[in-house]
PDB file of N, CA and C in Angstrom:
ATOM      1  N   MET A   1      96.355  10.448 -77.759  1.00  0.00           N
ATOM      2  CA  MET A   1      95.389   8.691 -77.770  1.00  0.00           C
ATOM      3  C   MET A   1      95.997   7.864 -76.459  1.00  0.00           C
ATOM      4  N   ASN A   2      97.200   7.905 -76.312  1.00  0.00           N
ATOM      5  CA  ASN A   2      97.720   6.975 -75.089  1.00  0.00           C
ATOM      6  C   ASN A   2      96.980   7.466 -73.770  1.00  0.00           C
ATOM      7  N   GLY A   3      96.814   9.130 -73.517  1.00  0.00           N
ATOM      8  CA  GLY A   3      96.381   9.393 -72.278  1.00  0.00           C
ATOM      9  C   GLY A   3      94.837   8.853 -72.082  1.00  0.00           C
ATOM     10  N   VAL A   4      93.875   9.040 -73.651  1.00  0.00           N
ATOM     11  CA  VAL A   4      92.499   8.809 -73.601  1.00  0.00           C
ATOM     12  C   VAL A   4      92.402   7.296 -72.995  1.00  0.00           C
ATOM     13  N   LYS A   5      93.303   6.424 -73.801  1.00  0.00           N
ATOM     14  CA  LYS A   5      93.350   5.153 -73.239  1.00  0.00           C
ATOM     15  C   LYS A   5      93.391   5.018 -71.808  1.00  0.00           C
ATOM     16  N   LYS A   6      94.285   5.552 -71.206  1.00  0.00           N
ATOM     17  CA  LYS A   6      94.545   5.391 -69.598  1.00  0.00           C
ATOM     18  C   LYS A   6      93.308   5.821 -69.001  1.00  0.00           C
ATOM     19  N   ILE A   7      92.740   6.620 -69.320  1.00  0.00           N
ATOM     20  CA  ILE A   7      91.551   7.744 -68.487  1.00  0.00           C
ATOM     21  C   ILE A   7      90.251   6.442 -68.548  1.00  0.00           C
ATOM     22  N   VAL A   8      90.033   5.953 -69.665  1.00  0.00           N
ATOM     23  CA  VAL A   8      89.308   4.946 -70.029  1.00  0.00           C
ATOM     24  C   VAL A   8      89.239   4.142 -68.982  1.00  0.00           C
ATOM     25  N   ILE A   9      90.504   3.281 -69.025  1.00  0.00           N
ATOM     26  CA  ILE A   9      90.791   2.311 -68.456  1.00  0.00           C
ATOM     27  C   ILE A   9      90.873   2.146 -66.993  1.00  0.00           C
ATOM     28  N   LEU A  10      90.900   3.732 -66.376  1.00  0.00           N
ATOM     29  CA  LEU A  10      91.114   3.889 -64.918  1.00  0.00           C
ATOM     30  C   LEU A  10      89.573   4.217 -64.732  1.00  0.00           C
ATOM     31  N   VAL A  11      88.641   4.697 -65.372  1.00  0.00           N
ATOM     32  CA  VAL A  11      87.249   4.456 -65.027  1.00  0.00           C
ATOM     33  C   VAL A  11      86.594   3.292 -65.247  1.00  0.00           C
ATOM     34  N   LEU A  12      86.660   2.518 -66.135  1.00  0.00           N
ATOM     35  CA  LEU A  12      86.537   1.242 -66.058  1.00  0.00           C
ATOM     36  C   LEU A  12      86.761   0.351 -64.828  1.00  0.00           C
ATOM     37  N   LEU A  13      88.017   0.652 -64.626  1.00  0.00           N
ATOM     38  CA  LEU A  13      88.746  -0.305 -63.388  1.00  0.00           C
ATOM     39  C   LEU A  13      87.686   0.588 -62.033  1.00  0.00           C
ATOM     40  N   ALA A  14      87.771   1.392 -61.917  1.00  0.00           N
ATOM     41  CA  ALA A  14      87.022   2.383 -60.658  1.00  0.00           C
ATOM     42  C   ALA A  14      85.559   1.775 -60.581  1.00  0.00           C
ATOM     43  N   LEU A  15      84.861   1.911 -61.651  1.00  0.00           N
ATOM     44  CA  LEU A  15      83.532   1.371 -61.875  1.00  0.00           C
ATOM     45  C   LEU A  15      83.347  -0.305 -61.614  1.00  0.00           C
ATOM     46  N   ILE A  16      84.035  -0.970 -62.207  1.00  0.00           N
ATOM     47  CA  ILE A  16      84.290  -2.360 -61.441  1.00  0.00           C
ATOM     48  C   ILE A  16      84.660  -2.399 -60.090  1.00  0.00           C
ATOM     49  N   ILE A  17      85.737  -1.813 -59.721  1.00  0.00           N
ATOM     50  CA  ILE A  17      85.685  -1.943 -57.949  1.00  0.00           C
ATOM     51  C   ILE A  17      84.466  -1.418 -57.582  1.00  0.00           C
ATOM     52  N   PHE A  18      83.344  -0.141 -58.011  1.00  0.00           N
ATOM     53  CA  PHE A  18      82.450   0.325 -56.810  1.00  0.00           C
ATOM     54  C   PHE A  18      81.414  -0.835 -56.910  1.00  0.00           C
ATOM     55  N   ILE A  19      81.091  -1.547 -58.380  1.00  0.00           N
ATOM     56  CA  ILE A  19      80.126  -2.366 -58.187  1.00  0.00           C
ATOM     57  C   ILE A  19      80.469  -3.781 -57.711  1.00  0.00           C
ATOM     58  N   GLY A  20      81.794  -4.390 -57.951  1.00  0.00           N
ATOM     59  CA  GLY A  20      82.087  -5.501 -56.847  1.00  0.00           C
ATOM     60  C   GLY A  20      82.051  -4.993 -55.357  1.00  0.00           C
ATOM     61  N   SER A  21      82.162  -3.954 -54.696  1.00  0.00           N
ATOM     62  CA  SER A  21      82.133  -3.645 -53.313  1.00  0.00           C
ATOM     63  C   SER A  21      80.627  -3.461 -53.075  1.00  0.00           C
ATOM     64  N   TYR A  22      79.797  -2.875 -53.899  1.00  0.00           N
ATOM     65  CA  TYR A  22      78.479  -2.935 -53.427  1.00  0.00           C
ATOM     66  C   TYR A  22      77.547  -4.255 -53.620  1.00  0.00           C
ATOM     67  N   PHE A  23      78.120  -4.765 -54.607  1.00  0.00           N
ATOM     68  CA  PHE A  23      77.487  -6.603 -54.372  1.00  0.00           C
ATOM     69  C   PHE A  23      78.042  -6.976 -53.286  1.00  0.00           C
ATOM     70  N   THR A  24      79.355  -6.659 -52.610  1.00  0.00           N
ATOM     71  CA  THR A  24      79.837  -7.371 -51.521  1.00  0.00           C
ATOM     72  C   THR A  24      79.413  -6.945 -50.132  1.00  0.00           C
ATOM     73  N   PHE A  25      79.092  -5.233 -50.195  1.00  0.00           N
ATOM     74  CA  PHE A  25      78.433  -5.387 -48.886  1.00  0.00           C
ATOM     75  C   PHE A  25      76.819  -5.324 -48.977  1.00  0.00           C
ATOM     76  N   ILE A  26      76.020  -5.840 -50.110  1.00  0.00           N
ATOM     77  CA  ILE A  26      74.756  -5.936 -50.045  1.00  0.00           C
ATOM     78  C   ILE A  26      74.925  -7.461 -49.419  1.00  0.00           C
ATOM     79  N   TYR A  27      75.644  -8.363 -49.795  1.00  0.00           N
ATOM     80  CA  TYR A  27      75.650 -10.031 -49.452  1.00  0.00           C
ATOM     81  C   TYR A  27      76.255 -10.205 -48.091  1.00  0.00           C
ATOM     82  N   TYR A  28      77.197  -9.337 -47.595  1.00  0.00           N
ATOM     83  CA  TYR A  28      77.885  -9.650 -46.176  1.00  0.00           C
ATOM     84  C   TYR A  28      77.487  -9.035 -45.278  1.00  0.00           C
ATOM     85  N   VAL A  29      76.778  -7.777 -45.512  1.00  0.00           N
ATOM     86  CA  VAL A  29      76.467  -7.141 -44.275  1.00  0.00           C
ATOM     87  C   VAL A  29      74.736  -6.816 -44.202  1.00  0.00           C
ATOM     88  N   PRO A  30      74.343  -7.714 -43.036  1.00  0.00           N
ATOM     89  CA  PRO A  30      73.009  -7.457 -43.030  1.00  0.00           C
ATOM     90  C   PRO A  30      72.934  -6.286 -42.050  1.00  0.00           C
ATOM     91  N   TYR A  31      71.488  -6.035 -42.622  1.00  0.00           N
ATOM     92  CA  TYR A  31      70.571  -5.170 -41.756  1.00  0.00           C
ATOM     93  C   TYR A  31      70.150  -5.182 -40.720  1.00  0.00           C
ATOM     94  N   SER A  32      69.726  -6.360 -40.228  1.00  0.00           N
ATOM     95  CA  SER A  32      69.389  -7.146 -39.010  1.00  0.00           C
ATOM     96  C   SER A  32      68.949  -8.052 -39.179  1.00  0.00           C
ATOM     97  N   GLU A  33      69.197  -8.941 -37.935  1.00  0.00           N
ATOM     98  CA  GLU A  33      69.130 -10.281 -37.806  1.00  0.00           C
ATOM     99  C   GLU A  33      67.801 -10.621 -36.973  1.00  0.00           C
ATOM    100  N   GLY A  34      67.138 -11.861 -36.919  1.00  0.00           N
ATOM    101  CA  GLY A  34      66.328 -12.038 -36.040  1.00  0.00           C
ATOM    102  C   GLY A  34      65.508 -13.614 -35.896  1.00  0.00           C
ATOM    103  N   VAL A  35      64.862 -13.680 -35.426  1.00  0.00           N
ATOM    104  CA  VAL A  35      63.756 -15.031 -35.271  1.00  0.00           C
ATOM    105  C   VAL A  35      62.342 -14.847 -35.378  1.00  0.00           C
ATOM    106  N   ARG A  36      61.554 -15.337 -36.234  1.00  0.00           N
ATOM    107  CA  ARG A  36      60.211 -15.515 -36.436  1.00  0.00           C
ATOM    108  C   ARG A  36      59.469 -17.148 -35.772  1.00  0.00           C
ATOM    109  N   SER A  37      58.773 -17.110 -35.774  1.00  0.00           N
ATOM    110  CA  SER A  37      57.580 -18.340 -35.637  1.00  0.00           C
ATOM    111  C   SER A  37      56.357 -18.142 -35.937  1.00  0.00           C
ATOM    112  N   GLY A  38      55.923 -19.397 -36.458  1.00  0.00           N
ATOM    113  CA  GLY A  38      54.041 -19.301 -36.748  1.00  0.00           C
ATOM    114  C   GLY A  38      54.404 -20.644 -37.856  1.00  0.00           C
ATOM    115  N   GLU A  39      53.096 -20.738 -38.331  1.00  0.00           N
ATOM    116  CA  GLU A  39      52.518 -21.822 -39.125  1.00  0.00           C
ATOM    117  C   GLU A  39      52.977 -21.430 -40.159  1.00  0.00           C
ATOM    118  N   LEU A  40      53.833 -22.630 -40.866  1.00  0.00           N
ATOM    119  CA  LEU A  40      54.714 -22.519 -42.425  1.00  0.00           C
ATOM    120  C   LEU A  40      53.478 -23.053 -43.140  1.00  0.00           C
ATOM    121  N   ILE A  41      53.180 -21.862 -43.798  1.00  0.00           N
ATOM    122  CA  ILE A  41      52.037 -22.033 -44.897  1.00  0.00           C
ATOM    123  C   ILE A  41      52.405 -22.116 -46.297  1.00  0.00           C
ATOM    124  N   LYS A  42      53.294 -21.654 -46.731  1.00  0.00           N
ATOM    125  CA  LYS A  42      54.001 -21.739 -48.501  1.00  0.00           C
ATOM    126  C   LYS A  42      55.230 -21.964 -48.290  1.00  0.00           C
ATOM    127  N   ILE A  43      55.588 -22.960 -49.134  1.00  0.00           N
ATOM    128  CA  ILE A  43      57.198 -22.816 -49.684  1.00  0.00           C
ATOM    129  C   ILE A  43      57.090 -22.805 -51.104  1.00  0.00           C
ATOM    130  N   SER A  44      57.853 -22.144 -51.947  1.00  0.00           N
ATOM    131  CA  SER A  44      57.550 -22.745 -53.400  1.00  0.00           C
ATOM    132  C   SER A  44      58.851 -22.267 -54.173  1.00  0.00           C
ATOM    133  N   HIS A  45      58.970 -22.801 -55.069  1.00  0.00           N
ATOM    134  CA  HIS A  45      59.798 -22.322 -56.036  1.00  0.00           C
ATOM    135  C   HIS A  45      59.663 -21.633 -57.417  1.00  0.00           C
ATOM    136  N   LYS A  46      59.562 -20.530 -57.271  1.00  0.00           N
ATOM    137  CA  LYS A  46      59.056 -19.731 -58.558  1.00  0.00           C
ATOM    138  C   LYS A  46      59.912 -18.711 -59.465  1.00  0.00           C
ATOM    139  N   GLY A  47      59.223 -18.317 -60.283  1.00  0.00           N
ATOM    140  CA  GLY A  47      59.942 -17.438 -61.367  1.00  0.00           C
ATOM    141  C   GLY A  47      59.871 -18.233 -62.972  1.00  0.00           C
ATOM    142  N   TYR A  48      60.234 -16.844 -63.779  1.00  0.00           N
ATOM    143  CA  TYR A  48      59.944 -17.543 -65.100  1.00  0.00           C
ATOM    144  C   TYR A  48      61.463 -17.977 -65.396  1.00  0.00           C
ATOM    145  N   VAL A  49      62.479 -16.846 -65.625  1.00  0.00           N
ATOM    146  CA  VAL A  49      63.709 -16.787 -66.032  1.00  0.00           C
ATOM    147  C   VAL A  49      64.771 -17.547 -64.868  1.00  0.00           C
ATOM    148  N   VAL A  50      64.593 -16.664 -63.865  1.00  0.00           N
ATOM    149  CA  VAL A  50      65.299 -17.231 -62.620  1.00  0.00           C
ATOM    150  C   VAL A  50      64.411 -17.635 -61.534  1.00  0.00           C
ATOM    151  N   LYS A  51      64.543 -19.112 -60.931  1.00  0.00           N
ATOM    152  CA  LYS A  51      63.713 -19.237 -60.320  1.00  0.00           C
ATOM    153  C   LYS A  51      64.410 -18.839 -58.952  1.00  0.00           C
ATOM    154  N   THR A  52      63.363 -18.615 -57.696  1.00  0.00           N
ATOM    155  CA  THR A  52      63.671 -18.485 -56.479  1.00  0.00           C
ATOM    156  C   THR A  52      63.047 -18.956 -55.558  1.00  0.00           C
ATOM    157  N   TRP A  53      63.244 -19.554 -54.536  1.00  0.00           N
ATOM    158  CA  TRP A  53      62.847 -19.750 -53.222  1.00  0.00           C
ATOM    159  C   TRP A  53      62.024 -19.162 -52.306  1.00  0.00           C
ATOM    160  N   GLU A  54      60.762 -18.952 -51.930  1.00  0.00           N
ATOM    161  CA  GLU A  54      60.048 -17.934 -51.283  1.00  0.00           C
ATOM    162  C   GLU A  54      58.825 -19.034 -50.401  1.00  0.00           C
ATOM    163  N   GLY A  55      58.928 -18.284 -48.969  1.00  0.00           N
ATOM    164  CA  GLY A  55      58.062 -19.087 -48.034  1.00  0.00           C
ATOM    165  C   GLY A  55      57.229 -17.746 -47.366  1.00  0.00           C
ATOM    166  N   GLU A  56      56.432 -18.467 -46.712  1.00  0.00           N
ATOM    167  CA  GLU A  56      55.165 -17.715 -45.809  1.00  0.00           C
ATOM    168  C   GLU A  56      54.938 -18.292 -44.235  1.00  0.00           C
ATOM    169  N   ILE A  57      55.216 -17.853 -43.278  1.00  0.00           N
ATOM    170  CA  ILE A  57      54.454 -18.358 -42.082  1.00  0.00           C
ATOM    171  C   ILE A  57      53.459 -17.297 -41.862  1.00  0.00           C
ATOM    172  N   SER A  58      52.535 -17.889 -40.883  1.00  0.00           N
ATOM    173  CA  SER A  58      51.505 -16.900 -40.608  1.00  0.00           C
ATOM    174  C   SER A  58      51.422 -16.584 -38.730  1.00  0.00           C
ATOM    175  N   GLN A  59      51.661 -15.725 -38.547  1.00  0.00           N
ATOM    176  CA  GLN A  59      51.815 -15.524 -37.210  1.00  0.00           C
ATOM    177  C   GLN A  59      50.904 -14.938 -36.426  1.00  0.00           C
ATOM    178  N   GLY A  60      49.694 -14.962 -36.766  1.00  0.00           N
ATOM    179  CA  GLY A  60      48.519 -14.464 -36.151  1.00  0.00           C
ATOM    180  C   GLY A  60      47.352 -15.854 -36.862  1.00  0.00           C
ATOM    181  N   ILE A  61      46.146 -15.333 -35.817  1.00  0.00           N
ATOM    182  CA  ILE A  61      45.004 -16.090 -36.054  1.00  0.00           C
ATOM    183  C   ILE A  61      44.484 -15.936 -37.540  1.00  0.00           C
ATOM    184  N   SER A  62      44.143 -16.830 -38.307  1.00  0.00           N
ATOM    185  CA  SER A  62      43.443 -16.703 -39.499  1.00  0.00           C
ATOM    186  C   SER A  62      44.274 -16.188 -40.724  1.00  0.00           C
ATOM    187  N   GLY A  63      45.705 -15.924 -40.431  1.00  0.00           N
ATOM    188  CA  GLY A  63      46.700 -15.618 -41.439  1.00  0.00           C
ATOM    189  C   GLY A  63      46.669 -13.995 -41.342  1.00  0.00           C
ATOM    190  N   ALA A  64      46.384 -13.031 -40.252  1.00  0.00           N
ATOM    191  CA  ALA A  64      46.144 -12.026 -40.140  1.00  0.00           C
ATOM    192  C   ALA A  64      47.415 -11.434 -40.145  1.00  0.00           C
ATOM    193  N   GLN A  65      48.625 -12.058 -39.900  1.00  0.00           N
ATOM    194  CA  GLN A  65      49.850 -11.375 -39.775  1.00  0.00           C
ATOM    195  C   GLN A  65      50.702 -12.552 -40.581  1.00  0.00           C
ATOM    196  N   ILE A  66      51.141 -12.153 -41.696  1.00  0.00           N
ATOM    197  CA  ILE A  66      52.000 -13.008 -42.500  1.00  0.00           C
ATOM    198  C   ILE A  66      53.321 -12.729 -42.552  1.00  0.00           C
ATOM    199  N   PHE A  67      54.334 -13.377 -42.641  1.00  0.00           N
ATOM    200  CA  PHE A  67      55.613 -12.687 -42.806  1.00  0.00           C
ATOM    201  C   PHE A  67      56.131 -13.899 -43.935  1.00  0.00           C
ATOM    202  N   GLU A  68      56.810 -12.916 -44.927  1.00  0.00           N
ATOM    203  CA  GLU A  68      57.077 -13.284 -45.905  1.00  0.00           C
ATOM    204  C   GLU A  68      58.641 -13.515 -46.305  1.00  0.00           C
ATOM    205  N   PHE A  69      59.341 -14.689 -46.768  1.00  0.00           N
ATOM    206  CA  PHE A  69      61.098 -14.805 -46.814  1.00  0.00           C
ATOM    207  C   PHE A  69      61.293 -15.270 -47.858  1.00  0.00           C
ATOM    208  N   SER A  70      62.419 -15.279 -47.881  1.00  0.00           N
ATOM    209  CA  SER A  70      63.361 -16.037 -48.966  1.00  0.00           C
ATOM    210  C   SER A  70      64.321 -16.981 -48.591  1.00  0.00           C
ATOM    211  N   ILE A  71      64.777 -18.039 -49.214  1.00  0.00           N
ATOM    212  CA  ILE A  71      65.728 -18.766 -49.094  1.00  0.00           C
ATOM    213  C   ILE A  71      67.097 -18.812 -50.360  1.00  0.00           C
ATOM    214  N   LEU A  72      68.310 -18.903 -49.862  1.00  0.00           N
ATOM    215  CA  LEU A  72      68.839 -18.805 -51.096  1.00  0.00           C
ATOM    216  C   LEU A  72      69.308 -20.342 -51.702  1.00  0.00           C
ATOM    217  N   ASP A  73      69.410 -20.397 -53.106  1.00  0.00           N
ATOM    218  CA  ASP A  73      69.317 -22.025 -53.417  1.00  0.00           C
ATOM    219  C   ASP A  73      70.772 -22.610 -53.092  1.00  0.00           C
ATOM    220  N   ASN A  74      71.583 -21.808 -52.432  1.00  0.00           N
ATOM    221  CA  ASN A  74      72.853 -22.433 -52.013  1.00  0.00           C
ATOM    222  C   ASN A  74      72.735 -22.949 -50.669  1.00  0.00           C
ATOM    223  N   ASP A  75      71.529 -22.931 -49.885  1.00  0.00           N
ATOM    224  CA  ASP A  75      71.165 -23.378 -48.582  1.00  0.00           C
ATOM    225  C   ASP A  75      69.758 -24.830 -48.676  1.00  0.00           C
ATOM    226  N   PRO A  76      70.317 -25.906 -49.574  1.00  0.00           N
ATOM    227  CA  PRO A  76      69.912 -26.953 -49.441  1.00  0.00           C
ATOM    228  C   PRO A  76      68.971 -27.543 -47.963  1.00  0.00           C
ATOM    229  N   VAL A  77      69.734 -27.471 -47.250  1.00  0.00           N
ATOM    230  CA  VAL A  77      69.300 -28.096 -45.646  1.00  0.00           C
ATOM    231  C   VAL A  77      68.037 -27.226 -45.407  1.00  0.00           C
ATOM    232  N   ALA A  78      67.918 -25.729 -45.413  1.00  0.00           N
ATOM    233  CA  ALA A  78      67.059 -25.255 -44.754  1.00  0.00           C
ATOM    234  C   ALA A  78      65.593 -25.310 -46.033  1.00  0.00           C
ATOM    235  N   ILE A  79      65.967 -25.664 -47.243  1.00  0.00           N
ATOM    236  CA  ILE A  79      64.689 -25.737 -48.131  1.00  0.00           C
ATOM    237  C   ILE A  79      64.205 -26.804 -47.836  1.00  0.00           C
ATOM    238  N   GLN A  80      64.936 -28.148 -47.713  1.00  0.00           N
ATOM    239  CA  GLN A  80      64.482 -29.194 -47.225  1.00  0.00           C
ATOM    240  C   GLN A  80      63.690 -29.457 -45.870  1.00  0.00           C
ATOM    241  N   LYS A  81      64.345 -28.663 -45.040  1.00  0.00           N
ATOM    242  CA  LYS A  81      63.386 -28.789 -43.471  1.00  0.00           C
ATOM    243  C   LYS A  81      62.242 -28.129 -43.925  1.00  0.00           C
ATOM    244  N   LEU A  82      62.278 -27.033 -44.736  1.00  0.00           N
ATOM    245  CA  LEU A  82      60.956 -26.013 -44.890  1.00  0.00           C
ATOM    246  C   LEU A  82      60.064 -26.919 -45.577  1.00  0.00           C
ATOM    247  N   LYS A  83      60.415 -27.989 -46.637  1.00  0.00           N
ATOM    248  CA  LYS A  83      59.512 -28.809 -47.189  1.00  0.00           C
ATOM    249  C   LYS A  83      59.087 -29.713 -46.172  1.00  0.00           C
ATOM    250  N   ASP A  84      59.880 -30.200 -45.553  1.00  0.00           N
ATOM    251  CA  ASP A  84      59.301 -31.242 -44.304  1.00  0.00           C
ATOM    252  C   ASP A  84      58.440 -30.706 -43.242  1.00  0.00           C
ATOM    253  N   PHE A  85      58.520 -29.527 -42.642  1.00  0.00           N
ATOM    254  CA  PHE A  85      58.043 -29.044 -41.667  1.00  0.00           C
ATOM    255  C   PHE A  85      56.520 -27.988 -42.272  1.00  0.00           C
ATOM    256  N   GLN A  86      56.289 -28.349 -43.792  1.00  0.00           N
ATOM    257  CA  GLN A  86      55.046 -27.548 -44.184  1.00  0.00           C
ATOM    258  C   GLN A  86      53.705 -27.956 -43.259  1.00  0.00           C
ATOM    259  N   GLY A  87      53.114 -26.952 -43.156  1.00  0.00           N
ATOM    260  CA  GLY A  87      51.643 -26.928 -42.240  1.00  0.00           C
ATOM    261  C   GLY A  87      52.059 -26.984 -41.014  1.00  0.00           C
ATOM    262  N   GLN A  88      53.302 -27.130 -40.522  1.00  0.00           N
ATOM    263  CA  GLN A  88      53.662 -27.397 -39.097  1.00  0.00           C
ATOM    264  C   GLN A  88      54.179 -25.881 -38.271  1.00  0.00           C
ATOM    265  N   PHE A  89      54.296 -25.720 -37.101  1.00  0.00           N
ATOM    266  CA  PHE A  89      54.810 -24.592 -36.577  1.00  0.00           C
ATOM    267  C   PHE A  89      56.206 -24.481 -36.651  1.00  0.00           C
ATOM    268  N   VAL A  90      56.949 -23.464 -37.199  1.00  0.00           N
ATOM    269  CA  VAL A  90      58.318 -23.406 -37.419  1.00  0.00           C
ATOM    270  C   VAL A  90      58.861 -22.689 -36.721  1.00  0.00           C
ATOM    271  N   LYS A  91      60.342 -22.423 -36.150  1.00  0.00           N
ATOM    272  CA  LYS A  91      61.192 -21.049 -35.840  1.00  0.00           C
ATOM    273  C   LYS A  91      61.969 -21.107 -36.951  1.00  0.00           C
ATOM    274  N   ILE A  92      62.173 -19.657 -37.411  1.00  0.00           N
ATOM    275  CA  ILE A  92      63.296 -19.457 -38.597  1.00  0.00           C
ATOM    276  C   ILE A  92      64.357 -18.556 -38.173  1.00  0.00           C
ATOM    277  N   ASP A  93      65.397 -18.784 -38.001  1.00  0.00           N
ATOM    278  CA  ASP A  93      66.324 -17.516 -38.128  1.00  0.00           C
ATOM    279  C   ASP A  93      66.462 -16.969 -39.535  1.00  0.00           C
ATOM    280  N   TYR A  94      66.366 -15.807 -39.303  1.00  0.00           N
ATOM    281  CA  TYR A  94      66.802 -14.713 -40.866  1.00  0.00           C
ATOM    282  C   TYR A  94      67.515 -13.539 -40.607  1.00  0.00           C
ATOM    283  N   ILE A  95      68.159 -13.085 -41.755  1.00  0.00           N
ATOM    284  CA  ILE A  95      68.763 -12.109 -41.922  1.00  0.00           C
ATOM    285  C   ILE A  95      68.306 -11.131 -42.918  1.00  0.00           C
ATOM    286  N   GLU A  96      68.033  -9.651 -42.247  1.00  0.00           N
ATOM    287  CA  GLU A  96      67.549  -8.894 -43.442  1.00  0.00           C
ATOM    288  C   GLU A  96      68.322  -8.305 -44.192  1.00  0.00           C
ATOM    289  N   ARG A  97      68.644  -8.283 -45.373  1.00  0.00           N
ATOM    290  CA  ARG A  97      69.520  -7.529 -46.011  1.00  0.00           C
ATOM    291  C   ARG A  97      69.177  -5.803 -46.623  1.00  0.00           C
ATOM    292  N   TYR A  98      69.904  -4.887 -46.668  1.00  0.00           N
ATOM    293  CA  TYR A  98      69.195  -3.396 -47.150  1.00  0.00           C
ATOM    294  C   TYR A  98      68.614  -3.736 -48.451  1.00  0.00           C
ATOM    295  N   ARG A  99      68.939  -4.492 -49.134  1.00  0.00           N
ATOM    296  CA  ARG A  99      67.978  -4.633 -50.560  1.00  0.00           C
ATOM    297  C   ARG A  99      68.330  -6.136 -51.259  1.00  0.00           C
ATOM    298  N   THR A 100      67.629  -6.603 -52.055  1.00  0.00           N
ATOM    299  CA  THR A 100      67.633  -7.859 -52.727  1.00  0.00           C
ATOM    300  C   THR A 100      67.738  -7.461 -54.355  1.00  0.00           C
ATOM    301  N   PHE A 101      68.139  -8.667 -54.841  1.00  0.00           N
ATOM    302  CA  PHE A 101      68.129  -8.635 -56.144  1.00  0.00           C
ATOM    303  C   PHE A 101      67.488  -9.904 -56.758  1.00  0.00           C
ATOM    304  N   PHE A 102      66.931  -9.813 -58.173  1.00  0.00           N
ATOM    305  CA  PHE A 102      65.891 -10.641 -58.587  1.00  0.00           C
ATOM    306  C   PHE A 102      66.424 -12.306 -58.684  1.00  0.00           C
ATOM    307  N   TRP A 103      67.617 -12.386 -58.567  1.00  0.00           N
ATOM    308  CA  TRP A 103      67.968 -13.943 -58.658  1.00  0.00           C
ATOM    309  C   TRP A 103      68.379 -14.210 -57.417  1.00  0.00           C
ATOM    310  N   TRP A 104      68.323 -13.522 -56.305  1.00  0.00           N
ATOM    311  CA  TRP A 104      68.314 -13.990 -54.700  1.00  0.00           C
ATOM    312  C   TRP A 104      66.706 -14.523 -53.771  1.00  0.00           C
ATOM    313  N   GLY A 105      65.701 -13.331 -54.774  1.00  0.00           N
ATOM    314  CA  GLY A 105      64.570 -13.638 -54.099  1.00  0.00           C
ATOM    315  C   GLY A 105      63.743 -12.761 -54.153  1.00  0.00           C
ATOM    316  N   ASP A 106      62.645 -12.284 -53.291  1.00  0.00           N
ATOM    317  CA  ASP A 106      61.387 -11.307 -53.863  1.00  0.00           C
ATOM    318  C   ASP A 106      61.460 -10.682 -52.319  1.00  0.00           C
ATOM    319  N   THR A 107      61.693 -10.903 -51.327  1.00  0.00           N
ATOM    320  CA  THR A 107      61.925 -10.200 -50.512  1.00  0.00           C
ATOM    321  C   THR A 107      63.466  -9.845 -49.754  1.00  0.00           C
ATOM    322  N   ARG A 108      63.673  -9.117 -48.733  1.00  0.00           N
ATOM    323  CA  ARG A 108      64.930  -8.865 -48.061  1.00  0.00           C
ATOM    324  C   ARG A 108      65.203  -9.719 -46.946  1.00  0.00           C
ATOM    325  N   TYR A 109      64.575 -10.392 -46.526  1.00  0.00           N
ATOM    326  CA  TYR A 109      64.424 -11.477 -45.613  1.00  0.00           C
ATOM    327  C   TYR A 109      64.866 -12.718 -46.022  1.00  0.00           C
ATOM    328  N   PHE A 110      66.210 -13.454 -45.482  1.00  0.00           N
ATOM    329  CA  PHE A 110      66.646 -14.220 -45.821  1.00  0.00           C
ATOM    330  C   PHE A 110      66.808 -15.503 -44.846  1.00  0.00           C
ATOM    331  N   VAL A 111      66.145 -16.819 -44.797  1.00  0.00           N
ATOM    332  CA  VAL A 111      66.278 -17.771 -44.176  1.00  0.00           C
ATOM    333  C   VAL A 111      67.975 -18.202 -43.769  1.00  0.00           C
ATOM    334  N   THR A 112      68.087 -18.393 -42.272  1.00  0.00           N
ATOM    335  CA  THR A 112      69.477 -19.189 -42.385  1.00  0.00           C
ATOM    336  C   THR A 112      69.225 -20.502 -41.535  1.00  0.00           C
ATOM    337  N   ASN A 113      68.097 -20.322 -40.968  1.00  0.00           N
ATOM    338  CA  ASN A 113      67.719 -21.758 -40.154  1.00  0.00           C
ATOM    339  C   ASN A 113      66.627 -22.172 -39.813  1.00  0.00           C
ATOM    340  N   VAL A 114      66.042 -23.058 -39.706  1.00  0.00           N
ATOM    341  CA  VAL A 114      64.800 -23.745 -39.594  1.00  0.00           C
ATOM    342  C   VAL A 114      64.733 -24.852 -38.450  1.00  0.00           C
ATOM    343  N   ARG A 115      63.812 -24.661 -37.536  1.00  0.00           N
ATOM    344  CA  ARG A 115      63.499 -25.820 -36.566  1.00  0.00           C
ATOM    345  C   ARG A 115      62.135 -25.990 -36.191  1.00  0.00           C
ATOM    346  N   GLN A 116      61.575 -26.810 -36.131  1.00  0.00           N
ATOM    347  CA  GLN A 116      60.264 -27.488 -35.609  1.00  0.00           C
ATOM    348  C   GLN A 116      60.083 -26.518 -34.129  1.00  0.00           C
ATOM    349  N   ASP A 117      59.041 -26.071 -34.152  1.00  0.00           N
ATOM    350  CA  ASP A 117      58.330 -25.386 -32.977  1.00  0.00           C
ATOM    351  C   ASP A 117      57.124 -25.979 -32.531  1.00  0.00           C
ATOM    352  N   LYS A 118      56.782 -25.780 -31.276  1.00  0.00           N
ATOM    353  CA  LYS A 118      55.574 -26.007 -30.681  1.00  0.00           C
ATOM    354  C   LYS A 118      54.442 -25.079 -31.174  1.00  0.00           C
ATOM    355  N   SER A 119      53.011 -25.887 -31.060  1.00  0.00           N
ATOM    356  CA  SER A 119      52.139 -24.656 -31.582  1.00  0.00           C
ATOM    357  C   SER A 119      51.541 -24.311 -30.556  1.00  0.00           C
ATOM    358  N   PRO A 120      51.447 -22.873 -30.085  1.00  0.00           N
ATOM    359  CA  PRO A 120      50.862 -22.426 -29.217  1.00  0.00           C
ATOM    360  C   PRO A 120      49.516 -22.382 -28.766  1.00  0.00           C
ATOM    361  N   PHE A 121      48.689 -23.427 -29.758  1.00  0.00           N
ATOM    362  CA  PHE A 121      47.081 -23.735 -29.503  1.00  0.00           C
ATOM    363  C   PHE A 121      47.224 -24.928 -29.030  1.00  0.00           C
ATOM    364  N   GLY A 122      48.235 -25.515 -28.607  1.00  0.00           N
ATOM    365  CA  GLY A 122      47.991 -27.120 -28.244  1.00  0.00           C
ATOM    366  C   GLY A 122      47.856 -28.242 -29.256  1.00  0.00           C
ATOM    367  N   LYS A 123      48.313 -27.514 -30.294  1.00  0.00           N
ATOM    368  CA  LYS A 123      47.939 -28.762 -31.609  1.00  0.00           C
ATOM    369  C   LYS A 123      48.752 -30.036 -31.362  1.00  0.00           C
TER     370      LYS A 123
END
């Protein structure tokens, strides 16, 4: 019986280490990083049980090219800037993760910085 307990404990420990390593990798190792610009057309806090921040920028004429992104709850500065710049042209820095989880957001693209941009249409 003592040997079985030891095996169960080792399997559980290995499972915990694997799951912890997986989440750490997904959170800290980005797939890509980039910058996008366009007209900020949407920022919303949505969800039933777990609320996430989601947004969209239009990168083309008449919304033909939409870039959807998420914002982590622990970034209130980016959330407030997006609220302030609603309807204006913005430039966003983002990271793309290998995958996302329902409590992070709907997309794999996460905003890290937001700044106002000039309109390409001379508005």
